[in-house]
């Protein structure tokens, strides 16, 4: 997991993946009404091919590149959705000593 944190820290463009964009991409591709951040993608009906499409659509929508190492961890069927904008903000607050 430390390797993923380092990759995220070195790829600040991933902070564009916020809850609004992620929800729009996932709900459109998955045909679900709402993305549940408490359930894994698999529990919401997504398979591996769906997750590849999610990654590709996020890259296209945000004009970013998601490293394979990140995609494998964050966009697996057994992963829960994460708002990377919030993750980066919380990480920055933690670095500043604000928790």
PDB file of N, CA and C in Angstrom:
ATOM      1  N   UNK A   1       0.819  -1.195   0.000  1.00  0.00           N
ATOM      2  CA  UNK A   1       0.000   0.000   0.000  1.00  0.00           C
ATOM      3  C   UNK A   1       0.863   1.260   0.000  1.00  0.00           C
ATOM      4  N   UNK A   2       2.029   1.194   0.623  1.00  0.00           N
ATOM      5  CA  UNK A   2       2.921   2.356   0.641  1.00  0.00           C
ATOM      6  C   UNK A   2       3.332   2.748  -0.772  1.00  0.00           C
ATOM      7  N   UNK A   3       3.538   1.744  -1.640  1.00  0.00           N
ATOM      8  CA  UNK A   3       3.889   2.021  -3.029  1.00  0.00           C
ATOM      9  C   UNK A   3       2.776   2.809  -3.713  1.00  0.00           C
ATOM     10  N   UNK A   4       1.531   2.438  -3.453  1.00  0.00           N
ATOM     11  CA  UNK A   4       0.392   3.139  -4.044  1.00  0.00           C
ATOM     12  C   UNK A   4       0.326   4.566  -3.529  1.00  0.00           C
ATOM     13  N   UNK A   5       0.561   4.766  -2.239  1.00  0.00           N
ATOM     14  CA  UNK A   5       0.548   6.120  -1.677  1.00  0.00           C
ATOM     15  C   UNK A   5       1.622   6.970  -2.338  1.00  0.00           C
ATOM     16  N   UNK A   6       2.804   6.399  -2.565  1.00  0.00           N
ATOM     17  CA  UNK A   6       3.868   7.138  -3.254  1.00  0.00           C
ATOM     18  C   UNK A   6       3.457   7.481  -4.682  1.00  0.00           C
ATOM     19  N   UNK A   7       2.825   6.544  -5.379  1.00  0.00           N
ATOM     20  CA  UNK A   7       2.364   6.802  -6.751  1.00  0.00           C
ATOM     21  C   UNK A   7       1.329   7.913  -6.746  1.00  0.00           C
ATOM     22  N   UNK A   8       0.398   7.867  -5.804  1.00  0.00           N
ATOM     23  CA  UNK A   8      -0.621   8.908  -5.711  1.00  0.00           C
ATOM     24  C   UNK A   8       0.009  10.261  -5.415  1.00  0.00           C
ATOM     25  N   UNK A   9       0.971  10.284  -4.515  1.00  0.00           N
ATOM     26  CA  UNK A   9       1.647  11.538  -4.184  1.00  0.00           C
ATOM     27  C   UNK A   9       2.405  12.107  -5.372  1.00  0.00           C
ATOM     28  N   UNK A  10       2.885  11.244  -6.243  1.00  0.00           N
ATOM     29  CA  UNK A  10       3.648  11.691  -7.414  1.00  0.00           C
ATOM     30  C   UNK A  10       2.777  11.922  -8.639  1.00  0.00           C
ATOM     31  N   UNK A  11       1.486  11.687  -8.539  1.00  0.00           N
ATOM     32  CA  UNK A  11       0.553  11.880  -9.647  1.00  0.00           C
ATOM     33  C   UNK A  11      -0.621  12.728  -9.177  1.00  0.00           C
ATOM     34  N   UNK A  12      -0.346  13.974  -8.908  1.00  0.00           N
ATOM     35  CA  UNK A  12      -1.373  14.876  -8.370  1.00  0.00           C
ATOM     36  C   UNK A  12      -2.554  15.056  -9.315  1.00  0.00           C
ATOM     37  N   UNK A  13      -2.358  14.764 -10.602  1.00  0.00           N
ATOM     38  CA  UNK A  13      -3.481  14.884 -11.536  1.00  0.00           C
ATOM     39  C   UNK A  13      -4.602  13.909 -11.196  1.00  0.00           C
ATOM     40  N   UNK A  14      -4.300  12.880 -10.425  1.00  0.00           N
ATOM     41  CA  UNK A  14      -5.334  11.934 -10.004  1.00  0.00           C
ATOM     42  C   UNK A  14      -6.315  12.576  -9.023  1.00  0.00           C
ATOM     43  N   UNK A  15      -5.931  13.724  -8.471  1.00  0.00           N
ATOM     44  CA  UNK A  15      -6.829  14.420  -7.551  1.00  0.00           C
ATOM     45  C   UNK A  15      -8.074  14.926  -8.268  1.00  0.00           C
ATOM     46  N   UNK A  16      -8.075  14.867  -9.597  1.00  0.00           N
ATOM     47  CA  UNK A  16      -9.269  15.247 -10.356  1.00  0.00           C
ATOM     48  C   UNK A  16     -10.399  14.236 -10.189  1.00  0.00           C
ATOM     49  N   UNK A  17     -10.070  13.050  -9.682  1.00  0.00           N
ATOM     50  CA  UNK A  17     -11.092  12.012  -9.504  1.00  0.00           C
ATOM     51  C   UNK A  17     -11.858  12.313  -8.217  1.00  0.00           C
ATOM     52  N   UNK A  18     -12.931  13.073  -8.365  1.00  0.00           N
ATOM     53  CA  UNK A  18     -13.745  13.419  -7.207  1.00  0.00           C
ATOM     54  C   UNK A  18     -15.037  12.600  -7.222  1.00  0.00           C
ATOM     55  N   UNK A  19     -15.815  12.752  -6.189  1.00  0.00           N
ATOM     56  CA  UNK A  19     -17.024  11.932  -6.062  1.00  0.00           C
ATOM     57  C   UNK A  19     -18.022  12.199  -7.179  1.00  0.00           C
ATOM     58  N   UNK A  20     -18.120  13.435  -7.642  1.00  0.00           N
ATOM     59  CA  UNK A  20     -19.079  13.764  -8.702  1.00  0.00           C
ATOM     60  C   UNK A  20     -18.714  13.060 -10.003  1.00  0.00           C
ATOM     61  N   UNK A  21     -17.465  13.196 -10.429  1.00  0.00           N
ATOM     62  CA  UNK A  21     -17.030  12.586 -11.689  1.00  0.00           C
ATOM     63  C   UNK A  21     -17.079  11.069 -11.587  1.00  0.00           C
ATOM     64  N   UNK A  22     -16.582  10.522 -10.487  1.00  0.00           N
ATOM     65  CA  UNK A  22     -16.582   9.072 -10.307  1.00  0.00           C
ATOM     66  C   UNK A  22     -18.010   8.533 -10.336  1.00  0.00           C
ATOM     67  N   UNK A  23     -18.915   9.198  -9.636  1.00  0.00           N
ATOM     68  CA  UNK A  23     -20.312   8.756  -9.611  1.00  0.00           C
ATOM     69  C   UNK A  23     -20.935   8.803 -11.001  1.00  0.00           C
ATOM     70  N   UNK A  24     -20.671   9.893 -11.734  1.00  0.00           N
ATOM     71  CA  UNK A  24     -21.240  10.024 -13.079  1.00  0.00           C
ATOM     72  C   UNK A  24     -20.758   8.910 -14.002  1.00  0.00           C
ATOM     73  N   UNK A  25     -19.451   8.644 -13.983  1.00  0.00           N
ATOM     74  CA  UNK A  25     -18.888   7.611 -14.855  1.00  0.00           C
ATOM     75  C   UNK A  25     -19.421   6.242 -14.463  1.00  0.00           C
ATOM     76  N   UNK A  26     -19.381   5.934 -13.186  1.00  0.00           N
ATOM     77  CA  UNK A  26     -19.771   4.598 -12.718  1.00  0.00           C
ATOM     78  C   UNK A  26     -21.267   4.342 -12.910  1.00  0.00           C
ATOM     79  N   UNK A  27     -22.089   5.317 -12.576  1.00  0.00           N
ATOM     80  CA  UNK A  27     -23.527   5.092 -12.722  1.00  0.00           C
ATOM     81  C   UNK A  27     -23.933   4.974 -14.188  1.00  0.00           C
ATOM     82  N   UNK A  28     -23.292   5.748 -15.048  1.00  0.00           N
ATOM     83  CA  UNK A  28     -23.594   5.673 -16.472  1.00  0.00           C
ATOM     84  C   UNK A  28     -23.191   4.320 -17.043  1.00  0.00           C
ATOM     85  N   UNK A  29     -21.997   3.879 -16.722  1.00  0.00           N
ATOM     86  CA  UNK A  29     -21.509   2.602 -17.256  1.00  0.00           C
ATOM     87  C   UNK A  29     -22.209   1.402 -16.628  1.00  0.00           C
ATOM     88  N   UNK A  30     -22.497   1.511 -15.337  1.00  0.00           N
ATOM     89  CA  UNK A  30     -23.058   0.365 -14.631  1.00  0.00           C
ATOM     90  C   UNK A  30     -24.564   0.281 -14.627  1.00  0.00           C
ATOM     91  N   UNK A  31     -25.205   1.340 -15.080  1.00  0.00           N
ATOM     92  CA  UNK A  31     -26.661   1.335 -15.084  1.00  0.00           C
ATOM     93  C   UNK A  31     -27.254   1.296 -13.687  1.00  0.00           C
ATOM     94  N   UNK A  32     -26.541   1.884 -12.719  1.00  0.00           N
ATOM     95  CA  UNK A  32     -27.058   1.940 -11.350  1.00  0.00           C
ATOM     96  C   UNK A  32     -27.512   3.366 -11.062  1.00  0.00           C
ATOM     97  N   UNK A  33     -28.389   3.523 -10.085  1.00  0.00           N
ATOM     98  CA  UNK A  33     -28.917   4.844  -9.755  1.00  0.00           C
ATOM     99  C   UNK A  33     -27.920   5.695  -8.976  1.00  0.00           C
ATOM    100  N   UNK A  34     -27.188   5.060  -8.066  1.00  0.00           N
ATOM    101  CA  UNK A  34     -26.286   5.810  -7.195  1.00  0.00           C
ATOM    102  C   UNK A  34     -25.100   4.940  -6.813  1.00  0.00           C
ATOM    103  N   UNK A  35     -23.923   5.540  -6.790  1.00  0.00           N
ATOM    104  CA  UNK A  35     -22.710   4.846  -6.368  1.00  0.00           C
ATOM    105  C   UNK A  35     -22.673   4.824  -4.842  1.00  0.00           C
ATOM    106  N   UNK A  36     -22.516   3.640  -4.271  1.00  0.00           N
ATOM    107  CA  UNK A  36     -22.459   3.479  -2.821  1.00  0.00           C
ATOM    108  C   UNK A  36     -21.003   3.315  -2.409  1.00  0.00           C
ATOM    109  N   UNK A  37     -20.495   4.279  -1.661  1.00  0.00           N
ATOM    110  CA  UNK A  37     -19.088   4.267  -1.249  1.00  0.00           C
ATOM    111  C   UNK A  37     -18.810   3.278  -0.119  1.00  0.00           C
ATOM    112  N   UNK A  38     -19.851   2.656   0.421  1.00  0.00           N
ATOM    113  CA  UNK A  38     -19.678   1.670   1.489  1.00  0.00           C
ATOM    114  C   UNK A  38     -19.621   0.241   0.970  1.00  0.00           C
ATOM    115  N   UNK A  39     -19.906   0.056  -0.326  1.00  0.00           N
ATOM    116  CA  UNK A  39     -19.881  -1.269  -0.945  1.00  0.00           C
ATOM    117  C   UNK A  39     -18.773  -1.333  -1.986  1.00  0.00           C
ATOM    118  N   UNK A  40     -18.249  -2.534  -2.199  1.00  0.00           N
ATOM    119  CA  UNK A  40     -17.251  -2.693  -3.254  1.00  0.00           C
ATOM    120  C   UNK A  40     -17.935  -2.564  -4.612  1.00  0.00           C
ATOM    121  N   UNK A  41     -17.112  -2.348  -5.629  1.00  0.00           N
ATOM    122  CA  UNK A  41     -17.669  -2.286  -6.980  1.00  0.00           C
ATOM    123  C   UNK A  41     -18.371  -3.606  -7.324  1.00  0.00           C
ATOM    124  N   UNK A  42     -17.760  -4.727  -6.940  1.00  0.00           N
ATOM    125  CA  UNK A  42     -18.348  -6.035  -7.206  1.00  0.00           C
ATOM    126  C   UNK A  42     -19.703  -6.206  -6.543  1.00  0.00           C
ATOM    127  N   UNK A  43     -19.837  -5.724  -5.324  1.00  0.00           N
ATOM    128  CA  UNK A  43     -21.113  -5.803  -4.609  1.00  0.00           C
ATOM    129  C   UNK A  43     -22.188  -4.952  -5.285  1.00  0.00           C
ATOM    130  N   UNK A  44     -21.756  -4.008  -6.111  1.00  0.00           N
ATOM    131  CA  UNK A  44     -22.694  -3.149  -6.838  1.00  0.00           C
ATOM    132  C   UNK A  44     -22.936  -3.653  -8.258  1.00  0.00           C
ATOM    133  N   UNK A  45     -22.389  -4.856  -8.559  1.00  0.00           N
ATOM    134  CA  UNK A  45     -22.686  -5.497  -9.830  1.00  0.00           C
ATOM    135  C   UNK A  45     -21.643  -5.331 -10.926  1.00  0.00           C
ATOM    136  N   UNK A  46     -20.481  -4.813 -10.599  1.00  0.00           N
ATOM    137  CA  UNK A  46     -19.443  -4.596 -11.606  1.00  0.00           C
ATOM    138  C   UNK A  46     -18.507  -5.792 -11.699  1.00  0.00           C
ATOM    139  N   UNK A  47     -18.084  -6.098 -12.924  1.00  0.00           N
ATOM    140  CA  UNK A  47     -17.087  -7.146 -13.121  1.00  0.00           C
ATOM    141  C   UNK A  47     -15.785  -6.488 -13.593  1.00  0.00           C
ATOM    142  N   UNK A  48     -14.776  -7.306 -13.867  1.00  0.00           N
ATOM    143  CA  UNK A  48     -13.453  -6.783 -14.246  1.00  0.00           C
ATOM    144  C   UNK A  48     -13.505  -5.934 -15.522  1.00  0.00           C
ATOM    145  N   UNK A  49     -14.271  -6.367 -16.509  1.00  0.00           N
ATOM    146  CA  UNK A  49     -14.382  -5.600 -17.751  1.00  0.00           C
ATOM    147  C   UNK A  49     -15.025  -4.242 -17.487  1.00  0.00           C
ATOM    148  N   UNK A  50     -16.028  -4.208 -16.635  1.00  0.00           N
ATOM    149  CA  UNK A  50     -16.654  -2.939 -16.259  1.00  0.00           C
ATOM    150  C   UNK A  50     -15.623  -1.990 -15.656  1.00  0.00           C
ATOM    151  N   UNK A  51     -14.753  -2.538 -14.823  1.00  0.00           N
ATOM    152  CA  UNK A  51     -13.776  -1.694 -14.141  1.00  0.00           C
ATOM    153  C   UNK A  51     -12.739  -1.142 -15.125  1.00  0.00           C
ATOM    154  N   UNK A  52     -12.373  -1.923 -16.135  1.00  0.00           N
ATOM    155  CA  UNK A  52     -11.473  -1.419 -17.174  1.00  0.00           C
ATOM    156  C   UNK A  52     -12.145  -0.248 -17.883  1.00  0.00           C
ATOM    157  N   UNK A  53     -13.423  -0.385 -18.163  1.00  0.00           N
ATOM    158  CA  UNK A  53     -14.172   0.695 -18.815  1.00  0.00           C
ATOM    159  C   UNK A  53     -14.268   1.926 -17.915  1.00  0.00           C
ATOM    160  N   UNK A  54     -14.427   1.723 -16.610  1.00  0.00           N
ATOM    161  CA  UNK A  54     -14.470   2.844 -15.674  1.00  0.00           C
ATOM    162  C   UNK A  54     -13.158   3.619 -15.754  1.00  0.00           C
ATOM    163  N   UNK A  55     -12.040   2.912 -15.684  1.00  0.00           N
ATOM    164  CA  UNK A  55     -10.725   3.558 -15.735  1.00  0.00           C
ATOM    165  C   UNK A  55     -10.558   4.319 -17.051  1.00  0.00           C
ATOM    166  N   UNK A  56     -10.881   3.677 -18.156  1.00  0.00           N
ATOM    167  CA  UNK A  56     -10.733   4.324 -19.463  1.00  0.00           C
ATOM    168  C   UNK A  56     -11.610   5.571 -19.564  1.00  0.00           C
ATOM    169  N   UNK A  57     -12.824   5.498 -19.070  1.00  0.00           N
ATOM    170  CA  UNK A  57     -13.728   6.643 -19.133  1.00  0.00           C
ATOM    171  C   UNK A  57     -13.302   7.773 -18.199  1.00  0.00           C
ATOM    172  N   UNK A  58     -12.762   7.436 -17.033  1.00  0.00           N
ATOM    173  CA  UNK A  58     -12.225   8.471 -16.144  1.00  0.00           C
ATOM    174  C   UNK A  58     -11.045   9.177 -16.809  1.00  0.00           C
ATOM    175  N   UNK A  59     -10.161   8.395 -17.421  1.00  0.00           N
ATOM    176  CA  UNK A  59      -9.008   8.985 -18.106  1.00  0.00           C
ATOM    177  C   UNK A  59      -9.467   9.935 -19.211  1.00  0.00           C
ATOM    178  N   UNK A  60     -10.434   9.509 -19.972  1.00  0.00           N
ATOM    179  CA  UNK A  60     -10.944  10.322 -21.080  1.00  0.00           C
ATOM    180  C   UNK A  60     -11.664  11.567 -20.555  1.00  0.00           C
ATOM    181  N   UNK A  61     -12.519  11.408 -19.569  1.00  0.00           N
ATOM    182  CA  UNK A  61     -13.311  12.528 -19.058  1.00  0.00           C
ATOM    183  C   UNK A  61     -12.446  13.597 -18.392  1.00  0.00           C
ATOM    184  N   UNK A  62     -11.372  13.165 -17.742  1.00  0.00           N
ATOM    185  CA  UNK A  62     -10.535  14.096 -16.978  1.00  0.00           C
ATOM    186  C   UNK A  62      -9.218  14.434 -17.672  1.00  0.00           C
ATOM    187  N   UNK A  63      -8.981  13.820 -18.824  1.00  0.00           N
ATOM    188  CA  UNK A  63      -7.735  14.023 -19.571  1.00  0.00           C
ATOM    189  C   UNK A  63      -6.521  13.734 -18.679  1.00  0.00           C
ATOM    190  N   UNK A  64      -6.554  12.561 -18.064  1.00  0.00           N
ATOM    191  CA  UNK A  64      -5.462  12.121 -17.200  1.00  0.00           C
ATOM    192  C   UNK A  64      -5.070  10.701 -17.588  1.00  0.00           C
ATOM    193  N   UNK A  65      -3.973  10.249 -17.018  1.00  0.00           N
ATOM    194  CA  UNK A  65      -3.549   8.866 -17.172  1.00  0.00           C
ATOM    195  C   UNK A  65      -3.520   8.238 -15.780  1.00  0.00           C
ATOM    196  N   UNK A  66      -4.168   7.112 -15.643  1.00  0.00           N
ATOM    197  CA  UNK A  66      -4.186   6.403 -14.363  1.00  0.00           C
ATOM    198  C   UNK A  66      -3.193   5.257 -14.471  1.00  0.00           C
ATOM    199  N   UNK A  67      -2.097   5.316 -13.697  1.00  0.00           N
ATOM    200  CA  UNK A  67      -1.102   4.244 -13.754  1.00  0.00           C
ATOM    201  C   UNK A  67      -1.727   2.887 -13.433  1.00  0.00           C
ATOM    202  N   UNK A  68      -1.238   1.848 -14.104  1.00  0.00           N
ATOM    203  CA  UNK A  68      -1.759   0.496 -13.881  1.00  0.00           C
ATOM    204  C   UNK A  68      -1.708   0.110 -12.413  1.00  0.00           C
ATOM    205  N   UNK A  69      -0.630   0.507 -11.715  1.00  0.00           N
ATOM    206  CA  UNK A  69      -0.472   0.154 -10.303  1.00  0.00           C
ATOM    207  C   UNK A  69      -1.606   0.728  -9.463  1.00  0.00           C
ATOM    208  N   UNK A  70      -2.070   1.907  -9.837  1.00  0.00           N
ATOM    209  CA  UNK A  70      -3.179   2.541  -9.123  1.00  0.00           C
ATOM    210  C   UNK A  70      -4.497   1.881  -9.510  1.00  0.00           C
ATOM    211  N   UNK A  71      -4.688   1.678 -10.805  1.00  0.00           N
ATOM    212  CA  UNK A  71      -5.929   1.069 -11.297  1.00  0.00           C
ATOM    213  C   UNK A  71      -6.149  -0.307 -10.681  1.00  0.00           C
ATOM    214  N   UNK A  72      -5.082  -1.080 -10.552  1.00  0.00           N
ATOM    215  CA  UNK A  72      -5.185  -2.442 -10.015  1.00  0.00           C
ATOM    216  C   UNK A  72      -5.674  -2.427  -8.568  1.00  0.00           C
ATOM    217  N   UNK A  73      -5.276  -1.420  -7.805  1.00  0.00           N
ATOM    218  CA  UNK A  73      -5.676  -1.355  -6.399  1.00  0.00           C
ATOM    219  C   UNK A  73      -7.001  -0.630  -6.203  1.00  0.00           C
ATOM    220  N   UNK A  74      -7.167   0.514  -6.858  1.00  0.00           N
ATOM    221  CA  UNK A  74      -8.342   1.347  -6.603  1.00  0.00           C
ATOM    222  C   UNK A  74      -9.570   0.982  -7.421  1.00  0.00           C
ATOM    223  N   UNK A  75      -9.368   0.297  -8.538  1.00  0.00           N
ATOM    224  CA  UNK A  75     -10.495   0.012  -9.417  1.00  0.00           C
ATOM    225  C   UNK A  75     -10.635  -1.479  -9.696  1.00  0.00           C
ATOM    226  N   UNK A  76     -10.516  -2.265  -8.655  1.00  0.00           N
ATOM    227  CA  UNK A  76     -10.775  -3.707  -8.716  1.00  0.00           C
ATOM    228  C   UNK A  76     -12.209  -3.943  -8.256  1.00  0.00           C
ATOM    229  N   UNK A  77     -12.767  -5.059  -8.630  1.00  0.00           N
ATOM    230  CA  UNK A  77     -14.146  -5.348  -8.211  1.00  0.00           C
ATOM    231  C   UNK A  77     -14.263  -5.469  -6.687  1.00  0.00           C
ATOM    232  N   UNK A  78     -13.166  -5.814  -6.007  1.00  0.00           N
ATOM    233  CA  UNK A  78     -13.220  -5.946  -4.550  1.00  0.00           C
ATOM    234  C   UNK A  78     -12.810  -4.663  -3.828  1.00  0.00           C
ATOM    235  N   UNK A  79     -12.626  -3.561  -4.582  1.00  0.00           N
ATOM    236  CA  UNK A  79     -12.292  -2.260  -3.997  1.00  0.00           C
ATOM    237  C   UNK A  79     -13.550  -1.434  -3.787  1.00  0.00           C
ATOM    238  N   UNK A  80     -13.523  -0.619  -2.748  1.00  0.00           N
ATOM    239  CA  UNK A  80     -14.600   0.332  -2.537  1.00  0.00           C
ATOM    240  C   UNK A  80     -14.235   1.628  -3.268  1.00  0.00           C
ATOM    241  N   UNK A  81     -15.219   2.333  -3.780  1.00  0.00           N
ATOM    242  CA  UNK A  81     -14.939   3.613  -4.445  1.00  0.00           C
ATOM    243  C   UNK A  81     -14.271   4.589  -3.483  1.00  0.00           C
ATOM    244  N   UNK A  82     -13.382   5.414  -4.012  1.00  0.00           N
ATOM    245  CA  UNK A  82     -12.707   6.416  -3.197  1.00  0.00           C
ATOM    246  C   UNK A  82     -12.692   7.740  -3.945  1.00  0.00           C
ATOM    247  N   UNK A  83     -12.962   8.802  -3.209  1.00  0.00           N
ATOM    248  CA  UNK A  83     -12.924  10.160  -3.731  1.00  0.00           C
ATOM    249  C   UNK A  83     -11.484  10.646  -3.549  1.00  0.00           C
ATOM    250  N   UNK A  84     -10.691  10.636  -4.629  1.00  0.00           N
ATOM    251  CA  UNK A  84      -9.278  11.004  -4.508  1.00  0.00           C
ATOM    252  C   UNK A  84      -9.091  12.487  -4.212  1.00  0.00           C
ATOM    253  N   UNK A  85     -10.020  13.339  -4.621  1.00  0.00           N
ATOM    254  CA  UNK A  85      -9.928  14.754  -4.271  1.00  0.00           C
ATOM    255  C   UNK A  85      -9.950  14.899  -2.757  1.00  0.00           C
ATOM    256  N   UNK A  86     -10.871  14.195  -2.115  1.00  0.00           N
ATOM    257  CA  UNK A  86     -10.969  14.228  -0.649  1.00  0.00           C
ATOM    258  C   UNK A  86      -9.731  13.603  -0.023  1.00  0.00           C
ATOM    259  N   UNK A  87      -9.221  12.512  -0.602  1.00  0.00           N
ATOM    260  CA  UNK A  87      -8.033  11.848  -0.062  1.00  0.00           C
ATOM    261  C   UNK A  87      -6.848  12.811  -0.079  1.00  0.00           C
ATOM    262  N   UNK A  88      -6.631  13.491  -1.195  1.00  0.00           N
ATOM    263  CA  UNK A  88      -5.526  14.451  -1.281  1.00  0.00           C
ATOM    264  C   UNK A  88      -5.709  15.600  -0.295  1.00  0.00           C
ATOM    265  N   UNK A  89      -6.937  16.103  -0.166  1.00  0.00           N
ATOM    266  CA  UNK A  89      -7.205  17.196   0.766  1.00  0.00           C
ATOM    267  C   UNK A  89      -6.917  16.749   2.198  1.00  0.00           C
ATOM    268  N   UNK A  90      -7.410  15.565   2.568  1.00  0.00           N
ATOM    269  CA  UNK A  90      -7.182  15.052   3.916  1.00  0.00           C
ATOM    270  C   UNK A  90      -5.700  14.820   4.172  1.00  0.00           C
ATOM    271  N   UNK A  91      -4.992  14.319   3.154  1.00  0.00           N
ATOM    272  CA  UNK A  91      -3.550  14.073   3.281  1.00  0.00           C
ATOM    273  C   UNK A  91      -2.816  15.395   3.510  1.00  0.00           C
ATOM    274  N   UNK A  92      -3.201  16.435   2.769  1.00  0.00           N
ATOM    275  CA  UNK A  92      -2.576  17.745   2.914  1.00  0.00           C
ATOM    276  C   UNK A  92      -2.842  18.309   4.308  1.00  0.00           C
ATOM    277  N   UNK A  93      -4.080  18.168   4.785  1.00  0.00           N
ATOM    278  CA  UNK A  93      -4.415  18.640   6.131  1.00  0.00           C
ATOM    279  C   UNK A  93      -3.600  17.896   7.187  1.00  0.00           C
ATOM    280  N   UNK A  94      -3.428  16.587   6.969  1.00  0.00           N
ATOM    281  CA  UNK A  94      -2.629  15.777   7.895  1.00  0.00           C
ATOM    282  C   UNK A  94      -1.185  16.273   7.916  1.00  0.00           C
ATOM    283  N   UNK A  95      -0.634  16.567   6.730  1.00  0.00           N
ATOM    284  CA  UNK A  95       0.749  17.064   6.649  1.00  0.00           C
ATOM    285  C   UNK A  95       0.899  18.396   7.375  1.00  0.00           C
ATOM    286  N   UNK A  96      -0.153  19.206   7.365  1.00  0.00           N
ATOM    287  CA  UNK A  96      -0.132  20.503   8.036  1.00  0.00           C
ATOM    288  C   UNK A  96      -0.424  20.381   9.539  1.00  0.00           C
ATOM    289  N   UNK A  97      -0.728  19.170   9.972  1.00  0.00           N
ATOM    290  CA  UNK A  97      -1.025  18.942  11.381  1.00  0.00           C
ATOM    291  C   UNK A  97      -2.459  19.261  11.765  1.00  0.00           C
ATOM    292  N   UNK A  98      -3.316  19.366  10.744  1.00  0.00           N
ATOM    293  CA  UNK A  98      -4.726  19.654  10.990  1.00  0.00           C
ATOM    294  C   UNK A  98      -5.496  18.357  10.762  1.00  0.00           C
ATOM    295  N   UNK A  99      -6.081  17.826  11.814  1.00  0.00           N
ATOM    296  CA  UNK A  99      -6.834  16.580  11.662  1.00  0.00           C
ATOM    297  C   UNK A  99      -8.233  16.709  12.206  1.00  0.00           C
TER     298      UNK A  99
END
